[in-house]
Amino acid sequence: MASVRLKSYDGEVHDLPDVCMKCGAPSAVRKNKTFSWCPWIIPKRCDVEAPLCERHKNHWLMRQLLVLLSMLGLFALGVVPIIAAAAADRGGDKRYAWACLVGWVALFLGWIILVVVATATTIRTNEITDTYIRLVSVSEEFAAAYKEKLPDVRGLLDRVARERWNDGERRADKKDEKTLLPGPATWDIKDKRTGESC
């Protein structure tokens, strides 16, 4: 899996290539996904219009359901060791209570592994700034398609920036800028003996 840095100047990312972010197949749908990243106290958010194929159109939903439902099942099975322990206190078999507890702990460790794998394989962010979002676990094909499209975006952004900040005019030379600034650099100091500028 690859990582890709998507340009975002307004907290939104649109116009991505028609390639599934997860597998690289042609995309069939575009899902709006809000990514959050919290490096300090204030979280940063970015909305991405994610291209996904028919197979991965519920990419985030399926992973969330898998983790949530397995956690609920784990908590439901957690009642079994408690009941077995209560029965053992009333004269029941303590080996059964210990076996239930050990089995539940093993299931809990398996659930932690499931969460780690589900998190590691989901498309997620590991950085959001004012100008870009970095997504990880995207397909190599999507990353390559985005990078092919990127030079056009860079040229457009350069042109827009030049027009906005320079109003389409040439910048003043450094020499011209010096004469515009007041201060010792622009003072005309003449030598009293020769009359030449210093």
N, C-alpha and C. Protein backbone atom coordinates (compact mmCIF):
# COMPACT_ATOMS: atom_id res chain seq x y z
N MET A 1 0.84 -1.17 0.00
CA MET A 1 0.00 0.00 0.00
C MET A 1 0.89 1.25 0.00
N ALA A 2 0.36 2.29 -0.55
CA ALA A 2 1.13 3.52 -0.72
C ALA A 2 0.53 4.64 0.14
N SER A 3 1.24 5.74 0.17
CA SER A 3 0.70 6.95 0.78
C SER A 3 0.74 8.05 -0.28
N VAL A 4 -0.18 8.99 -0.16
CA VAL A 4 -0.26 10.06 -1.15
C VAL A 4 -0.60 11.36 -0.43
N ARG A 5 -0.03 12.43 -0.92
CA ARG A 5 -0.26 13.76 -0.35
C ARG A 5 -1.16 14.54 -1.30
N LEU A 6 -2.40 14.79 -0.87
CA LEU A 6 -3.39 15.48 -1.69
C LEU A 6 -3.43 16.96 -1.34
N LYS A 7 -3.44 17.80 -2.35
CA LYS A 7 -3.51 19.25 -2.14
C LYS A 7 -4.91 19.63 -1.66
N SER A 8 -4.95 20.48 -0.64
CA SER A 8 -6.23 20.93 -0.10
C SER A 8 -6.03 22.33 0.46
N TYR A 9 -6.58 23.34 -0.21
CA TYR A 9 -6.42 24.71 0.27
C TYR A 9 -7.66 25.23 0.99
N ASP A 10 -8.74 24.48 0.94
CA ASP A 10 -9.97 24.94 1.58
C ASP A 10 -10.58 23.87 2.48
N GLY A 11 -9.79 22.88 2.87
CA GLY A 11 -10.30 21.80 3.71
C GLY A 11 -11.11 20.78 2.95
N GLU A 12 -11.02 20.83 1.62
CA GLU A 12 -11.75 19.88 0.78
C GLU A 12 -10.84 19.42 -0.36
N VAL A 13 -11.04 18.17 -0.77
CA VAL A 13 -10.29 17.63 -1.90
C VAL A 13 -11.30 17.06 -2.89
N HIS A 14 -11.27 17.60 -4.11
CA HIS A 14 -12.15 17.14 -5.18
C HIS A 14 -11.30 16.82 -6.41
N ASP A 15 -11.92 16.44 -7.48
CA ASP A 15 -11.26 16.21 -8.77
C ASP A 15 -10.12 15.21 -8.68
N LEU A 16 -10.34 14.13 -7.96
CA LEU A 16 -9.34 13.07 -7.90
C LEU A 16 -9.51 12.16 -9.12
N PRO A 17 -8.46 11.43 -9.51
CA PRO A 17 -8.59 10.56 -10.68
C PRO A 17 -9.62 9.46 -10.46
N ASP A 18 -10.20 8.97 -11.54
CA ASP A 18 -11.23 7.93 -11.47
C ASP A 18 -10.62 6.55 -11.28
N VAL A 19 -9.88 6.40 -10.19
CA VAL A 19 -9.23 5.14 -9.83
C VAL A 19 -9.57 4.86 -8.38
N CYS A 20 -9.98 3.63 -8.08
CA CYS A 20 -10.34 3.26 -6.71
C CYS A 20 -9.15 3.49 -5.78
N MET A 21 -9.40 4.18 -4.69
CA MET A 21 -8.34 4.47 -3.73
C MET A 21 -7.80 3.21 -3.07
N LYS A 22 -8.62 2.16 -2.97
CA LYS A 22 -8.23 0.97 -2.24
C LYS A 22 -7.54 -0.07 -3.11
N CYS A 23 -8.08 -0.35 -4.33
CA CYS A 23 -7.52 -1.44 -5.14
C CYS A 23 -6.95 -1.00 -6.48
N GLY A 24 -7.26 0.19 -6.94
CA GLY A 24 -6.73 0.67 -8.21
C GLY A 24 -7.60 0.38 -9.41
N ALA A 25 -8.76 -0.26 -9.20
CA ALA A 25 -9.69 -0.53 -10.31
C ALA A 25 -10.40 0.77 -10.69
N PRO A 26 -11.05 0.80 -11.86
CA PRO A 26 -11.82 2.01 -12.21
C PRO A 26 -12.90 2.27 -11.16
N SER A 27 -13.05 3.53 -10.80
CA SER A 27 -14.01 3.86 -9.73
C SER A 27 -15.43 3.85 -10.26
N ALA A 28 -16.36 3.46 -9.38
CA ALA A 28 -17.77 3.42 -9.72
C ALA A 28 -18.56 4.48 -8.96
N VAL A 29 -18.09 4.82 -7.76
CA VAL A 29 -18.78 5.81 -6.92
C VAL A 29 -17.77 6.75 -6.30
N ARG A 30 -18.28 7.87 -5.83
CA ARG A 30 -17.45 8.82 -5.06
C ARG A 30 -18.14 9.02 -3.72
N LYS A 31 -17.39 8.69 -2.66
CA LYS A 31 -17.91 8.82 -1.30
C LYS A 31 -17.27 10.02 -0.63
N ASN A 32 -18.08 10.84 0.02
CA ASN A 32 -17.56 11.95 0.80
C ASN A 32 -17.13 11.41 2.16
N LYS A 33 -15.87 11.61 2.48
CA LYS A 33 -15.32 11.12 3.75
C LYS A 33 -14.62 12.29 4.43
N THR A 34 -14.95 12.52 5.69
CA THR A 34 -14.28 13.55 6.49
C THR A 34 -13.20 12.87 7.32
N PHE A 35 -11.97 13.26 7.07
CA PHE A 35 -10.83 12.74 7.83
C PHE A 35 -10.51 13.72 8.94
N SER A 36 -10.15 13.20 10.10
CA SER A 36 -9.74 14.03 11.23
C SER A 36 -8.36 13.61 11.67
N TRP A 37 -7.60 14.58 12.12
CA TRP A 37 -6.25 14.33 12.63
C TRP A 37 -6.03 15.28 13.78
N CYS A 38 -5.58 14.77 14.90
CA CYS A 38 -5.42 15.60 16.10
C CYS A 38 -4.00 15.49 16.62
N PRO A 39 -3.08 16.33 16.10
CA PRO A 39 -1.71 16.27 16.59
C PRO A 39 -1.55 16.89 17.97
N TRP A 40 -2.34 17.89 18.28
CA TRP A 40 -2.28 18.55 19.58
C TRP A 40 -3.66 18.56 20.17
N ILE A 41 -4.13 19.68 20.59
CA ILE A 41 -5.44 19.76 21.23
C ILE A 41 -6.55 19.98 20.21
N ILE A 42 -6.28 20.80 19.21
CA ILE A 42 -7.30 21.16 18.23
C ILE A 42 -7.22 20.21 17.03
N PRO A 43 -8.31 19.48 16.75
CA PRO A 43 -8.27 18.57 15.60
C PRO A 43 -8.37 19.32 14.28
N LYS A 44 -7.76 18.76 13.25
CA LYS A 44 -7.89 19.30 11.91
C LYS A 44 -8.75 18.33 11.11
N ARG A 45 -9.56 18.89 10.21
CA ARG A 45 -10.46 18.07 9.40
C ARG A 45 -10.28 18.41 7.93
N CYS A 46 -10.56 17.42 7.10
CA CYS A 46 -10.50 17.62 5.65
C CYS A 46 -11.52 16.68 5.01
N ASP A 47 -12.34 17.22 4.13
CA ASP A 47 -13.33 16.43 3.39
C ASP A 47 -12.72 15.98 2.07
N VAL A 48 -12.81 14.68 1.80
CA VAL A 48 -12.27 14.12 0.57
C VAL A 48 -13.40 13.43 -0.17
N GLU A 49 -13.50 13.73 -1.45
CA GLU A 49 -14.44 13.04 -2.32
C GLU A 49 -13.71 11.82 -2.89
N ALA A 50 -13.81 10.70 -2.18
CA ALA A 50 -12.98 9.52 -2.46
C ALA A 50 -13.57 8.67 -3.58
N PRO A 51 -12.80 8.42 -4.64
CA PRO A 51 -13.26 7.50 -5.69
C PRO A 51 -13.05 6.06 -5.25
N LEU A 52 -14.12 5.26 -5.32
CA LEU A 52 -14.06 3.86 -4.91
C LEU A 52 -14.77 2.99 -5.93
N CYS A 53 -14.31 1.75 -6.06
CA CYS A 53 -14.96 0.81 -6.97
C CYS A 53 -16.19 0.22 -6.29
N GLU A 54 -16.94 -0.59 -7.02
CA GLU A 54 -18.16 -1.19 -6.48
C GLU A 54 -17.85 -2.08 -5.28
N ARG A 55 -16.73 -2.78 -5.33
CA ARG A 55 -16.35 -3.71 -4.25
C ARG A 55 -15.98 -2.97 -2.96
N HIS A 56 -15.39 -1.79 -3.06
CA HIS A 56 -14.92 -1.06 -1.89
C HIS A 56 -15.77 0.16 -1.55
N LYS A 57 -16.97 0.25 -2.09
CA LYS A 57 -17.78 1.45 -1.85
C LYS A 57 -18.16 1.63 -0.38
N ASN A 58 -18.16 0.54 0.40
CA ASN A 58 -18.45 0.63 1.83
C ASN A 58 -17.20 0.36 2.66
N HIS A 59 -16.07 0.81 2.18
CA HIS A 59 -14.78 0.51 2.80
C HIS A 59 -14.75 0.88 4.28
N TRP A 60 -15.10 2.09 4.64
CA TRP A 60 -15.02 2.53 6.02
C TRP A 60 -16.16 1.96 6.86
N LEU A 61 -17.35 1.86 6.30
CA LEU A 61 -18.50 1.33 7.03
C LEU A 61 -18.28 -0.12 7.46
N MET A 62 -17.78 -0.97 6.56
CA MET A 62 -17.58 -2.38 6.88
C MET A 62 -16.55 -2.55 8.01
N ARG A 63 -15.50 -1.77 7.98
CA ARG A 63 -14.49 -1.88 9.03
C ARG A 63 -15.03 -1.40 10.38
N GLN A 64 -15.81 -0.33 10.36
CA GLN A 64 -16.40 0.15 11.60
C GLN A 64 -17.37 -0.87 12.18
N LEU A 65 -18.20 -1.46 11.31
CA LEU A 65 -19.14 -2.48 11.78
C LEU A 65 -18.41 -3.71 12.32
N LEU A 66 -17.35 -4.13 11.66
CA LEU A 66 -16.58 -5.28 12.11
C LEU A 66 -16.03 -5.05 13.51
N VAL A 67 -15.43 -3.91 13.75
CA VAL A 67 -14.85 -3.62 15.06
C VAL A 67 -15.96 -3.47 16.11
N LEU A 68 -17.00 -2.73 15.80
CA LEU A 68 -18.06 -2.47 16.77
C LEU A 68 -18.82 -3.75 17.14
N LEU A 69 -19.25 -4.52 16.14
CA LEU A 69 -20.02 -5.73 16.43
C LEU A 69 -19.17 -6.79 17.13
N SER A 70 -17.90 -6.91 16.76
CA SER A 70 -17.05 -7.87 17.46
C SER A 70 -16.81 -7.44 18.90
N MET A 71 -16.73 -6.14 19.16
CA MET A 71 -16.57 -5.65 20.53
C MET A 71 -17.83 -5.95 21.35
N LEU A 72 -19.01 -5.74 20.76
CA LEU A 72 -20.25 -6.05 21.47
C LEU A 72 -20.35 -7.54 21.76
N GLY A 73 -19.96 -8.37 20.79
CA GLY A 73 -19.95 -9.82 21.02
C GLY A 73 -18.98 -10.21 22.12
N LEU A 74 -17.84 -9.57 22.16
CA LEU A 74 -16.84 -9.84 23.19
C LEU A 74 -17.38 -9.50 24.58
N PHE A 75 -18.05 -8.34 24.69
CA PHE A 75 -18.63 -7.97 25.97
C PHE A 75 -19.76 -8.94 26.36
N ALA A 76 -20.54 -9.38 25.39
CA ALA A 76 -21.61 -10.35 25.69
C ALA A 76 -21.01 -11.67 26.19
N LEU A 77 -19.92 -12.11 25.58
CA LEU A 77 -19.26 -13.34 26.04
C LEU A 77 -18.55 -13.14 27.37
N GLY A 78 -18.29 -11.90 27.73
CA GLY A 78 -17.67 -11.61 29.03
C GLY A 78 -18.56 -11.96 30.20
N VAL A 79 -19.84 -12.11 29.93
CA VAL A 79 -20.78 -12.49 30.99
C VAL A 79 -20.58 -13.96 31.38
N VAL A 80 -20.15 -14.79 30.43
CA VAL A 80 -19.99 -16.22 30.69
C VAL A 80 -18.99 -16.49 31.81
N PRO A 81 -17.78 -15.90 31.80
CA PRO A 81 -16.87 -16.16 32.93
C PRO A 81 -17.43 -15.67 34.27
N ILE A 82 -18.20 -14.58 34.25
CA ILE A 82 -18.78 -14.08 35.49
C ILE A 82 -19.80 -15.08 36.03
N ILE A 83 -20.64 -15.61 35.17
CA ILE A 83 -21.64 -16.61 35.59
C ILE A 83 -20.94 -17.87 36.07
N ALA A 84 -19.88 -18.29 35.34
CA ALA A 84 -19.16 -19.50 35.75
C ALA A 84 -18.48 -19.30 37.10
N ALA A 85 -17.94 -18.11 37.35
CA ALA A 85 -17.30 -17.84 38.64
C ALA A 85 -18.33 -17.84 39.76
N ALA A 86 -19.51 -17.28 39.49
CA ALA A 86 -20.58 -17.28 40.50
C ALA A 86 -21.03 -18.71 40.79
N ALA A 87 -21.12 -19.55 39.78
CA ALA A 87 -21.51 -20.94 39.97
C ALA A 87 -20.43 -21.69 40.75
N ALA A 88 -19.15 -21.37 40.50
CA ALA A 88 -18.06 -22.03 41.22
C ALA A 88 -18.08 -21.66 42.69
N ASP A 89 -18.51 -20.46 43.03
CA ASP A 89 -18.61 -20.06 44.44
C ASP A 89 -19.71 -20.83 45.16
N ARG A 90 -20.70 -21.29 44.44
CA ARG A 90 -21.81 -22.03 45.04
C ARG A 90 -21.55 -23.54 45.04
N GLY A 91 -20.31 -23.90 44.79
CA GLY A 91 -19.99 -25.33 44.84
C GLY A 91 -19.79 -25.95 43.46
N GLY A 92 -19.78 -25.13 42.41
CA GLY A 92 -19.59 -25.65 41.06
C GLY A 92 -18.12 -25.94 40.77
N ASP A 93 -17.86 -26.36 39.55
CA ASP A 93 -16.50 -26.72 39.14
C ASP A 93 -15.71 -25.44 38.84
N LYS A 94 -14.61 -25.24 39.57
CA LYS A 94 -13.80 -24.04 39.38
C LYS A 94 -12.99 -24.11 38.10
N ARG A 95 -12.72 -25.33 37.63
CA ARG A 95 -11.96 -25.47 36.38
C ARG A 95 -12.76 -24.87 35.21
N TYR A 96 -14.06 -25.04 35.24
CA TYR A 96 -14.91 -24.47 34.19
C TYR A 96 -14.84 -22.95 34.21
N ALA A 97 -14.84 -22.35 35.39
CA ALA A 97 -14.76 -20.90 35.52
C ALA A 97 -13.42 -20.40 35.00
N TRP A 98 -12.34 -21.08 35.35
CA TRP A 98 -11.01 -20.67 34.86
C TRP A 98 -10.90 -20.85 33.34
N ALA A 99 -11.46 -21.92 32.82
CA ALA A 99 -11.42 -22.15 31.36
C ALA A 99 -12.18 -21.05 30.63
N CYS A 100 -13.32 -20.64 31.20
CA CYS A 100 -14.10 -19.55 30.58
C CYS A 100 -13.32 -18.24 30.62
N LEU A 101 -12.67 -17.98 31.74
CA LEU A 101 -11.90 -16.74 31.87
C LEU A 101 -10.71 -16.73 30.91
N VAL A 102 -9.98 -17.82 30.82
CA VAL A 102 -8.84 -17.91 29.90
C VAL A 102 -9.32 -17.79 28.45
N GLY A 103 -10.44 -18.42 28.14
CA GLY A 103 -11.00 -18.32 26.78
C GLY A 103 -11.40 -16.89 26.45
N TRP A 104 -11.99 -16.18 27.42
CA TRP A 104 -12.39 -14.80 27.17
C TRP A 104 -11.17 -13.90 26.98
N VAL A 105 -10.12 -14.10 27.77
CA VAL A 105 -8.90 -13.32 27.62
C VAL A 105 -8.28 -13.57 26.24
N ALA A 106 -8.29 -14.82 25.78
CA ALA A 106 -7.78 -15.14 24.44
C ALA A 106 -8.60 -14.45 23.36
N LEU A 107 -9.93 -14.44 23.53
CA LEU A 107 -10.78 -13.73 22.57
C LEU A 107 -10.50 -12.23 22.59
N PHE A 108 -10.26 -11.68 23.76
CA PHE A 108 -9.95 -10.25 23.87
C PHE A 108 -8.64 -9.93 23.15
N LEU A 109 -7.63 -10.75 23.34
CA LEU A 109 -6.36 -10.54 22.63
C LEU A 109 -6.55 -10.67 21.11
N GLY A 110 -7.38 -11.62 20.69
CA GLY A 110 -7.70 -11.75 19.26
C GLY A 110 -8.42 -10.52 18.74
N TRP A 111 -9.31 -9.94 19.56
CA TRP A 111 -10.03 -8.74 19.16
C TRP A 111 -9.07 -7.56 18.99
N ILE A 112 -8.08 -7.45 19.88
CA ILE A 112 -7.09 -6.38 19.76
C ILE A 112 -6.32 -6.53 18.44
N ILE A 113 -5.95 -7.75 18.09
CA ILE A 113 -5.26 -8.00 16.82
C ILE A 113 -6.16 -7.62 15.65
N LEU A 114 -7.44 -7.96 15.74
CA LEU A 114 -8.41 -7.60 14.69
C LEU A 114 -8.48 -6.09 14.52
N VAL A 115 -8.52 -5.35 15.61
CA VAL A 115 -8.59 -3.89 15.53
C VAL A 115 -7.33 -3.32 14.90
N VAL A 116 -6.17 -3.85 15.27
CA VAL A 116 -4.91 -3.36 14.71
C VAL A 116 -4.86 -3.62 13.21
N VAL A 117 -5.26 -4.81 12.78
CA VAL A 117 -5.24 -5.14 11.35
C VAL A 117 -6.25 -4.29 10.59
N ALA A 118 -7.45 -4.13 11.14
CA ALA A 118 -8.48 -3.31 10.47
C ALA A 118 -8.02 -1.86 10.36
N THR A 119 -7.37 -1.35 11.38
CA THR A 119 -6.88 0.03 11.34
C THR A 119 -5.73 0.18 10.36
N ALA A 120 -4.83 -0.80 10.34
CA ALA A 120 -3.66 -0.71 9.46
C ALA A 120 -4.03 -0.82 7.99
N THR A 121 -5.11 -1.49 7.67
CA THR A 121 -5.49 -1.68 6.27
C THR A 121 -6.54 -0.71 5.77
N THR A 122 -7.05 0.14 6.64
CA THR A 122 -8.05 1.11 6.19
C THR A 122 -7.36 2.36 5.64
N ILE A 123 -8.01 3.02 4.71
CA ILE A 123 -7.50 4.29 4.20
C ILE A 123 -7.70 5.32 5.31
N ARG A 124 -6.61 5.93 5.73
CA ARG A 124 -6.67 6.88 6.84
C ARG A 124 -5.65 7.99 6.63
N THR A 125 -5.73 9.00 7.44
CA THR A 125 -4.77 10.11 7.34
C THR A 125 -3.74 10.01 8.45
N ASN A 126 -2.55 10.51 8.16
CA ASN A 126 -1.57 10.63 9.23
C ASN A 126 -1.03 12.06 9.31
N GLU A 127 -1.62 12.96 8.50
CA GLU A 127 -1.24 14.38 8.59
C GLU A 127 -2.22 15.23 7.81
N ILE A 128 -2.66 16.31 8.42
CA ILE A 128 -3.49 17.31 7.75
C ILE A 128 -2.91 18.68 8.07
N THR A 129 -2.66 19.47 7.04
CA THR A 129 -2.20 20.84 7.24
C THR A 129 -3.18 21.77 6.54
N ASP A 130 -2.82 23.05 6.48
CA ASP A 130 -3.69 24.01 5.79
C ASP A 130 -3.64 23.83 4.28
N THR A 131 -2.62 23.15 3.76
CA THR A 131 -2.46 23.04 2.31
C THR A 131 -2.53 21.62 1.77
N TYR A 132 -2.50 20.61 2.63
CA TYR A 132 -2.58 19.24 2.11
C TYR A 132 -3.04 18.26 3.19
N ILE A 133 -3.41 17.08 2.71
CA ILE A 133 -3.74 15.94 3.57
C ILE A 133 -2.94 14.75 3.05
N ARG A 134 -2.34 13.99 3.96
CA ARG A 134 -1.59 12.80 3.56
C ARG A 134 -2.43 11.58 3.94
N LEU A 135 -2.76 10.77 2.94
CA LEU A 135 -3.51 9.54 3.15
C LEU A 135 -2.57 8.34 3.03
N VAL A 136 -2.78 7.36 3.89
CA VAL A 136 -1.99 6.13 3.84
C VAL A 136 -2.91 4.95 3.57
N SER A 137 -2.33 3.85 3.13
CA SER A 137 -3.04 2.62 2.76
C SER A 137 -3.91 2.81 1.52
N VAL A 138 -3.47 3.66 0.60
CA VAL A 138 -4.14 3.78 -0.69
C VAL A 138 -3.43 2.87 -1.68
N SER A 139 -4.06 2.57 -2.78
CA SER A 139 -3.46 1.69 -3.77
C SER A 139 -2.33 2.40 -4.52
N GLU A 140 -1.38 1.62 -4.97
CA GLU A 140 -0.25 2.15 -5.75
C GLU A 140 -0.77 2.80 -7.04
N GLU A 141 -1.80 2.21 -7.65
CA GLU A 141 -2.36 2.74 -8.89
C GLU A 141 -2.98 4.11 -8.68
N PHE A 142 -3.69 4.29 -7.55
CA PHE A 142 -4.29 5.58 -7.26
C PHE A 142 -3.20 6.63 -7.05
N ALA A 143 -2.17 6.29 -6.28
CA ALA A 143 -1.08 7.23 -6.01
C ALA A 143 -0.40 7.64 -7.31
N ALA A 144 -0.16 6.68 -8.22
CA ALA A 144 0.48 6.99 -9.50
C ALA A 144 -0.42 7.87 -10.36
N ALA A 145 -1.73 7.56 -10.39
CA ALA A 145 -2.66 8.36 -11.19
C ALA A 145 -2.75 9.79 -10.65
N TYR A 146 -2.71 9.95 -9.35
CA TYR A 146 -2.76 11.30 -8.77
C TYR A 146 -1.48 12.07 -9.09
N LYS A 147 -0.35 11.40 -9.00
CA LYS A 147 0.93 12.07 -9.27
C LYS A 147 1.04 12.46 -10.74
N GLU A 148 0.44 11.69 -11.65
CA GLU A 148 0.42 12.07 -13.07
C GLU A 148 -0.39 13.33 -13.28
N LYS A 149 -1.47 13.46 -12.54
CA LYS A 149 -2.35 14.61 -12.67
C LYS A 149 -1.77 15.84 -11.97
N LEU A 150 -0.88 15.64 -11.00
CA LEU A 150 -0.37 16.73 -10.17
C LEU A 150 0.36 17.83 -10.91
N PRO A 151 1.22 17.57 -11.94
CA PRO A 151 1.89 18.69 -12.61
C PRO A 151 0.93 19.72 -13.19
N ASP A 152 -0.21 19.28 -13.69
CA ASP A 152 -1.20 20.23 -14.20
C ASP A 152 -1.71 21.13 -13.08
N VAL A 153 -1.91 20.55 -11.90
CA VAL A 153 -2.39 21.32 -10.76
C VAL A 153 -1.32 22.32 -10.33
N ARG A 154 -0.06 21.89 -10.31
CA ARG A 154 1.01 22.80 -9.90
C ARG A 154 1.11 24.00 -10.84
N GLY A 155 1.04 23.74 -12.15
CA GLY A 155 1.10 24.84 -13.11
C GLY A 155 -0.05 25.80 -12.93
N LEU A 156 -1.25 25.26 -12.71
CA LEU A 156 -2.42 26.10 -12.49
C LEU A 156 -2.26 26.94 -11.22
N LEU A 157 -1.81 26.31 -10.15
CA LEU A 157 -1.63 27.04 -8.90
C LEU A 157 -0.56 28.12 -9.03
N ASP A 158 0.52 27.81 -9.73
CA ASP A 158 1.56 28.82 -9.95
C ASP A 158 1.01 30.02 -10.71
N ARG A 159 0.24 29.74 -11.77
CA ARG A 159 -0.31 30.82 -12.57
C ARG A 159 -1.28 31.66 -11.74
N VAL A 160 -2.15 31.01 -10.96
CA VAL A 160 -3.12 31.73 -10.14
C VAL A 160 -2.39 32.57 -9.09
N ALA A 161 -1.35 32.02 -8.49
CA ALA A 161 -0.59 32.78 -7.48
C ALA A 161 0.09 33.99 -8.10
N ARG A 162 0.68 33.81 -9.28
CA ARG A 162 1.33 34.95 -9.93
C ARG A 162 0.31 36.04 -10.25
N GLU A 163 -0.85 35.64 -10.77
CA GLU A 163 -1.86 36.64 -11.11
C GLU A 163 -2.39 37.33 -9.86
N ARG A 164 -2.54 36.58 -8.79
CA ARG A 164 -3.12 37.16 -7.58
C ARG A 164 -2.15 38.11 -6.88
N TRP A 165 -0.91 37.70 -6.74
CA TRP A 165 0.03 38.49 -5.96
C TRP A 165 0.77 39.54 -6.77
N ASN A 166 0.89 39.34 -8.05
CA ASN A 166 1.60 40.32 -8.87
C ASN A 166 0.67 41.10 -9.79
N ASP A 167 -0.58 40.79 -9.77
CA ASP A 167 -1.55 41.41 -10.68
C ASP A 167 -1.10 41.29 -12.14
N GLY A 168 -0.39 40.21 -12.46
CA GLY A 168 0.05 39.98 -13.82
C GLY A 168 1.23 40.84 -14.24
N GLU A 169 1.80 41.64 -13.32
CA GLU A 169 2.92 42.52 -13.66
C GLU A 169 4.23 41.94 -13.15
N ARG A 170 5.31 42.41 -13.74
CA ARG A 170 6.64 41.99 -13.35
C ARG A 170 6.96 42.58 -11.98
N ARG A 171 7.63 41.80 -11.13
CA ARG A 171 8.05 42.32 -9.83
C ARG A 171 9.14 43.35 -10.00
N ALA A 172 9.22 44.24 -9.05
CA ALA A 172 10.27 45.25 -9.08
C ALA A 172 11.62 44.59 -8.81
N ASP A 173 12.66 45.10 -9.47
CA ASP A 173 14.00 44.59 -9.22
C ASP A 173 14.41 44.94 -7.80
N LYS A 174 15.45 44.24 -7.30
CA LYS A 174 15.93 44.53 -5.96
C LYS A 174 16.42 45.97 -5.85
N LYS A 175 17.04 46.45 -6.92
CA LYS A 175 17.53 47.82 -6.92
C LYS A 175 16.36 48.80 -6.77
N ASP A 176 15.26 48.52 -7.50
CA ASP A 176 14.09 49.37 -7.41
C ASP A 176 13.48 49.30 -6.01
N GLU A 177 13.46 48.10 -5.42
CA GLU A 177 12.89 47.94 -4.09
C GLU A 177 13.68 48.74 -3.07
N LYS A 178 15.01 48.79 -3.22
CA LYS A 178 15.84 49.54 -2.29
C LYS A 178 15.50 51.01 -2.29
N THR A 179 15.27 51.56 -3.46
CA THR A 179 14.99 52.99 -3.53
C THR A 179 13.61 53.32 -2.99
N LEU A 180 12.72 52.34 -2.95
CA LEU A 180 11.39 52.59 -2.43
C LEU A 180 11.34 52.60 -0.92
N LEU A 181 12.32 51.95 -0.29
CA LEU A 181 12.31 51.84 1.16
C LEU A 181 13.01 53.04 1.79
N PRO A 182 12.41 53.70 2.76
CA PRO A 182 13.09 54.80 3.44
C PRO A 182 14.11 54.25 4.41
N GLY A 183 15.16 55.01 4.64
CA GLY A 183 16.17 54.59 5.60
C GLY A 183 17.56 54.89 5.09
N PRO A 184 18.57 54.49 5.84
CA PRO A 184 19.95 54.82 5.49
C PRO A 184 20.37 54.33 4.11
N ALA A 185 19.79 53.24 3.64
CA ALA A 185 20.20 52.71 2.34
C ALA A 185 19.81 53.67 1.21
N THR A 186 18.82 54.53 1.39
CA THR A 186 18.38 55.42 0.32
C THR A 186 18.85 56.86 0.51
N TRP A 187 19.50 57.15 1.63
CA TRP A 187 19.97 58.51 1.86
C TRP A 187 21.11 58.81 0.89
N ASP A 188 21.10 60.00 0.40
CA ASP A 188 22.16 60.43 -0.51
C ASP A 188 23.17 61.23 0.31
N ILE A 189 24.26 60.56 0.71
CA ILE A 189 25.28 61.20 1.53
C ILE A 189 26.45 61.56 0.62
N LYS A 190 26.87 62.84 0.65
CA LYS A 190 27.97 63.30 -0.21
C LYS A 190 29.19 63.68 0.63
N ASP A 191 30.32 63.38 0.06
CA ASP A 191 31.57 63.77 0.69
C ASP A 191 31.73 65.28 0.52
N LYS A 192 32.03 66.01 1.62
CA LYS A 192 32.13 67.48 1.56
C LYS A 192 33.30 67.93 0.70
N ARG A 193 34.39 67.18 0.70
CA ARG A 193 35.57 67.61 -0.05
C ARG A 193 35.41 67.38 -1.54
N THR A 194 34.93 66.18 -1.92
CA THR A 194 34.89 65.85 -3.36
C THR A 194 33.52 66.06 -3.96
N GLY A 195 32.46 66.03 -3.17
CA GLY A 195 31.10 66.19 -3.70
C GLY A 195 30.52 64.89 -4.26
N GLU A 196 31.26 63.80 -4.08
CA GLU A 196 30.77 62.50 -4.59
C GLU A 196 29.87 61.81 -3.56
N SER A 197 28.95 61.01 -4.05
CA SER A 197 28.09 60.25 -3.16
C SER A 197 28.87 59.12 -2.51
N CYS A 198 28.59 58.87 -1.26
CA CYS A 198 29.28 57.80 -0.52
C CYS A 198 28.50 56.51 -0.62
